[in-house]
Amino acid sequence: MTDPIADYLTRLRNAIKANHRVVEIPASNLKKEITKILFEKGYILNFKFEEDGPQGTIKVALKYNPQTRESAIRKLERVSRPGLRKYTGYREMPRVINGLGIAILSTSRGVMTDKEAKELKLGGEVLCYVY
């Protein structure tokens, strides 16, 4: 697998389309940090890290609206990829749906959202957009 983050986002996307409640994803430190951000921002219901096997797994409980059965995540979009990396400074920070969505960045101080990076005046690699 050449792009584990794209695989992570695709597994989430496929589980949402199939209306699954829980999805299991192979773990890595970067995926764990992205999962924590999705939980903090209210896009997923819960998560659990399991240390089984050489790398472990992440169990993600997806969040749906009880009345309409619609997912909290409308779209997951990979921005930077191995063939074309996308970097941004804090002054040119991308706005996702005019501030309603979030961009997840990998900075020198770890993985964070676009708003947190702008407050700390940090730039970095734009991993994905979530809305």
C-alpha atoms as a PDB file:
ATOM      1  CA  MET A   1       0.000   0.000   0.000  1.00  0.00           C
ATOM      2  CA  THR A   2       1.538   3.301  -1.052  1.00  0.00           C
ATOM      3  CA  ASP A   3      -0.873   5.716   0.639  1.00  0.00           C
ATOM      4  CA  PRO A   4      -2.162   4.556   4.053  1.00  0.00           C
ATOM      5  CA  ILE A   5      -4.067   7.815   4.711  1.00  0.00           C
ATOM      6  CA  ALA A   6      -6.042   7.434   1.471  1.00  0.00           C
ATOM      7  CA  ASP A   7      -6.817   3.839   2.503  1.00  0.00           C
ATOM      8  CA  TYR A   8      -8.004   5.090   5.936  1.00  0.00           C
ATOM      9  CA  LEU A   9     -10.316   7.683   4.357  1.00  0.00           C
ATOM     10  CA  THR A  10     -11.627   5.172   1.811  1.00  0.00           C
ATOM     11  CA  ARG A  11     -12.474   2.646   4.536  1.00  0.00           C
ATOM     12  CA  LEU A  12     -14.416   5.339   6.413  1.00  0.00           C
ATOM     13  CA  ARG A  13     -16.181   6.447   3.201  1.00  0.00           C
ATOM     14  CA  ASN A  14     -17.155   2.871   2.281  1.00  0.00           C
ATOM     15  CA  ALA A  15     -18.456   2.130   5.796  1.00  0.00           C
ATOM     16  CA  ILE A  16     -20.582   5.297   5.706  1.00  0.00           C
ATOM     17  CA  LYS A  17     -22.057   4.377   2.316  1.00  0.00           C
ATOM     18  CA  ALA A  18     -22.885   0.883   3.593  1.00  0.00           C
ATOM     19  CA  ASN A  19     -24.416   2.354   6.799  1.00  0.00           C
ATOM     20  CA  HIS A  20     -22.080   0.376   9.059  1.00  0.00           C
ATOM     21  CA  ARG A  21     -21.944   1.312  12.735  1.00  0.00           C
ATOM     22  CA  VAL A  22     -18.295   0.282  13.315  1.00  0.00           C
ATOM     23  CA  VAL A  23     -15.315   0.048  10.983  1.00  0.00           C
ATOM     24  CA  GLU A  24     -11.920  -1.544  11.711  1.00  0.00           C
ATOM     25  CA  ILE A  25      -8.810   0.088  10.267  1.00  0.00           C
ATOM     26  CA  PRO A  26      -5.138  -0.945  10.552  1.00  0.00           C
ATOM     27  CA  ALA A  27      -3.454   1.434  12.998  1.00  0.00           C
ATOM     28  CA  SER A  28      -0.540   3.837  12.701  1.00  0.00           C
ATOM     29  CA  ASN A  29       0.390   6.870  14.773  1.00  0.00           C
ATOM     30  CA  LEU A  30      -0.786   9.296  12.060  1.00  0.00           C
ATOM     31  CA  LYS A  31      -4.139   7.500  11.693  1.00  0.00           C
ATOM     32  CA  LYS A  32      -4.594   7.573  15.489  1.00  0.00           C
ATOM     33  CA  GLU A  33      -4.069  11.341  15.539  1.00  0.00           C
ATOM     34  CA  ILE A  34      -6.534  11.876  12.665  1.00  0.00           C
ATOM     35  CA  THR A  35      -9.082   9.695  14.490  1.00  0.00           C
ATOM     36  CA  LYS A  36      -8.674  11.763  17.677  1.00  0.00           C
ATOM     37  CA  ILE A  37      -9.314  14.972  15.710  1.00  0.00           C
ATOM     38  CA  LEU A  38     -12.432  13.503  14.063  1.00  0.00           C
ATOM     39  CA  PHE A  39     -13.735  12.545  17.523  1.00  0.00           C
ATOM     40  CA  GLU A  40     -12.958  15.947  19.087  1.00  0.00           C
ATOM     41  CA  LYS A  41     -14.731  17.773  16.263  1.00  0.00           C
ATOM     42  CA  GLY A  42     -17.810  15.527  16.496  1.00  0.00           C
ATOM     43  CA  TYR A  43     -17.542  13.680  13.181  1.00  0.00           C
ATOM     44  CA  ILE A  44     -17.397  10.213  14.772  1.00  0.00           C
ATOM     45  CA  LEU A  45     -19.192   8.780  17.801  1.00  0.00           C
ATOM     46  CA  ASN A  46     -16.274   6.975  19.452  1.00  0.00           C
ATOM     47  CA  PHE A  47     -13.035   5.109  18.788  1.00  0.00           C
ATOM     48  CA  LYS A  48     -10.909   2.407  20.362  1.00  0.00           C
ATOM     49  CA  PHE A  49      -7.271   1.464  19.793  1.00  0.00           C
ATOM     50  CA  GLU A  50      -6.590  -2.272  20.014  1.00  0.00           C
ATOM     51  CA  GLU A  51      -3.059  -3.615  20.274  1.00  0.00           C
ATOM     52  CA  ASP A  52      -3.388  -6.957  18.498  1.00  0.00           C
ATOM     53  CA  GLY A  53      -0.835  -8.203  16.014  1.00  0.00           C
ATOM     54  CA  PRO A  54       2.199  -6.250  14.861  1.00  0.00           C
ATOM     55  CA  GLN A  55       0.505  -2.876  14.309  1.00  0.00           C
ATOM     56  CA  GLY A  56      -2.900  -3.042  15.989  1.00  0.00           C
ATOM     57  CA  THR A  57      -6.263  -1.775  14.787  1.00  0.00           C
ATOM     58  CA  ILE A  58      -8.493   1.240  15.254  1.00  0.00           C
ATOM     59  CA  LYS A  59     -12.210   0.584  15.780  1.00  0.00           C
ATOM     60  CA  VAL A  60     -14.232   3.643  14.787  1.00  0.00           C
ATOM     61  CA  ALA A  61     -17.921   3.999  15.732  1.00  0.00           C
ATOM     62  CA  LEU A  62     -19.543   6.152  13.059  1.00  0.00           C
ATOM     63  CA  LYS A  63     -22.016   8.900  13.914  1.00  0.00           C
ATOM     64  CA  TYR A  64     -25.428   9.167  12.226  1.00  0.00           C
ATOM     65  CA  ASN A  65     -28.431  11.475  12.629  1.00  0.00           C
ATOM     66  CA  PRO A  66     -31.145   9.334  14.329  1.00  0.00           C
ATOM     67  CA  GLN A  67     -34.054  10.827  12.343  1.00  0.00           C
ATOM     68  CA  THR A  68     -32.626  11.003   8.813  1.00  0.00           C
ATOM     69  CA  ARG A  69     -30.013   8.207   9.075  1.00  0.00           C
ATOM     70  CA  GLU A  70     -27.512  10.633   7.513  1.00  0.00           C
ATOM     71  CA  SER A  71     -23.848  10.501   8.461  1.00  0.00           C
ATOM     72  CA  ALA A  72     -22.134  13.333  10.330  1.00  0.00           C
ATOM     73  CA  ILE A  73     -19.391  13.135   7.695  1.00  0.00           C
ATOM     74  CA  ARG A  74     -20.580  14.403   4.326  1.00  0.00           C
ATOM     75  CA  LYS A  75     -17.266  14.181   2.509  1.00  0.00           C
ATOM     76  CA  LEU A  76     -13.705  13.026   3.163  1.00  0.00           C
ATOM     77  CA  GLU A  77     -11.242  14.342   0.602  1.00  0.00           C
ATOM     78  CA  ARG A  78      -7.533  13.495   0.414  1.00  0.00           C
ATOM     79  CA  VAL A  79      -5.490  16.579  -0.513  1.00  0.00           C
ATOM     80  CA  SER A  80      -1.783  15.823  -0.249  1.00  0.00           C
ATOM     81  CA  ARG A  81      -0.725  12.498  -1.704  1.00  0.00           C
ATOM     82  CA  PRO A  82       2.608  10.715  -2.215  1.00  0.00           C
ATOM     83  CA  GLY A  83       2.853  11.816  -5.859  1.00  0.00           C
ATOM     84  CA  LEU A  84       1.945  15.459  -5.187  1.00  0.00           C
ATOM     85  CA  ARG A  85       2.455  16.887  -1.720  1.00  0.00           C
ATOM     86  CA  LYS A  86       0.460  20.011  -0.802  1.00  0.00           C
ATOM     87  CA  TYR A  87       1.933  22.381   1.765  1.00  0.00           C
ATOM     88  CA  THR A  88       0.542  25.635   3.099  1.00  0.00           C
ATOM     89  CA  GLY A  89       1.692  28.473   5.294  1.00  0.00           C
ATOM     90  CA  TYR A  90      -0.506  29.845   8.063  1.00  0.00           C
ATOM     91  CA  ARG A  91      -1.362  32.923   5.962  1.00  0.00           C
ATOM     92  CA  GLU A  92      -2.665  30.844   3.022  1.00  0.00           C
ATOM     93  CA  MET A  93      -4.589  28.338   5.148  1.00  0.00           C
ATOM     94  CA  PRO A  94      -7.369  26.664   3.118  1.00  0.00           C
ATOM     95  CA  ARG A  95     -10.967  27.350   4.172  1.00  0.00           C
ATOM     96  CA  VAL A  96     -13.186  24.287   3.858  1.00  0.00           C
ATOM     97  CA  ILE A  97     -16.770  25.260   2.964  1.00  0.00           C
ATOM     98  CA  ASN A  98     -16.104  28.804   4.183  1.00  0.00           C
ATOM     99  CA  GLY A  99     -15.095  27.605   7.654  1.00  0.00           C
ATOM    100  CA  LEU A 100     -17.829  24.987   8.201  1.00  0.00           C
ATOM    101  CA  GLY A 101     -15.533  22.026   7.493  1.00  0.00           C
ATOM    102  CA  ILE A 102     -12.015  21.290   8.708  1.00  0.00           C
ATOM    103  CA  ALA A 103      -8.680  20.711   7.036  1.00  0.00           C
ATOM    104  CA  ILE A 104      -6.358  18.316   8.855  1.00  0.00           C
ATOM    105  CA  LEU A 105      -2.692  19.291   8.692  1.00  0.00           C
ATOM    106  CA  SER A 106       0.564  17.629   9.648  1.00  0.00           C
ATOM    107  CA  THR A 107       2.752  20.322  11.206  1.00  0.00           C
ATOM    108  CA  SER A 108       6.058  20.442  13.040  1.00  0.00           C
ATOM    109  CA  ARG A 109       4.067  20.267  16.315  1.00  0.00           C
ATOM    110  CA  GLY A 110       1.937  17.278  15.295  1.00  0.00           C
ATOM    111  CA  VAL A 111      -1.358  16.688  13.527  1.00  0.00           C
ATOM    112  CA  MET A 112      -3.983  19.424  13.999  1.00  0.00           C
ATOM    113  CA  THR A 113      -6.853  21.249  12.332  1.00  0.00           C
ATOM    114  CA  ASP A 114      -6.469  24.315  10.150  1.00  0.00           C
ATOM    115  CA  LYS A 115      -7.900  26.612  12.833  1.00  0.00           C
ATOM    116  CA  GLU A 116      -5.473  25.371  15.509  1.00  0.00           C
ATOM    117  CA  ALA A 117      -2.520  25.721  13.126  1.00  0.00           C
ATOM    118  CA  LYS A 118      -3.564  29.269  12.217  1.00  0.00           C
ATOM    119  CA  GLU A 119      -3.750  30.252  15.904  1.00  0.00           C
ATOM    120  CA  LEU A 120      -0.241  28.868  16.488  1.00  0.00           C
ATOM    121  CA  LYS A 121       0.992  30.495  13.239  1.00  0.00           C
ATOM    122  CA  LEU A 122       2.098  27.133  11.836  1.00  0.00           C
ATOM    123  CA  GLY A 123       2.022  25.824   8.292  1.00  0.00           C
ATOM    124  CA  GLY A 124       2.338  22.248   7.145  1.00  0.00           C
ATOM    125  CA  GLU A 125       1.177  19.487   4.853  1.00  0.00           C
ATOM    126  CA  VAL A 126      -2.578  19.482   4.177  1.00  0.00           C
ATOM    127  CA  LEU A 127      -3.608  15.845   4.662  1.00  0.00           C
ATOM    128  CA  CYS A 128      -7.363  15.983   4.043  1.00  0.00           C
ATOM    129  CA  TYR A 129     -10.601  17.969   4.134  1.00  0.00           C
ATOM    130  CA  VAL A 130     -13.561  16.806   6.231  1.00  0.00           C
ATOM    131  CA  TYR A 131     -17.105  18.167   6.092  1.00  0.00           C
END
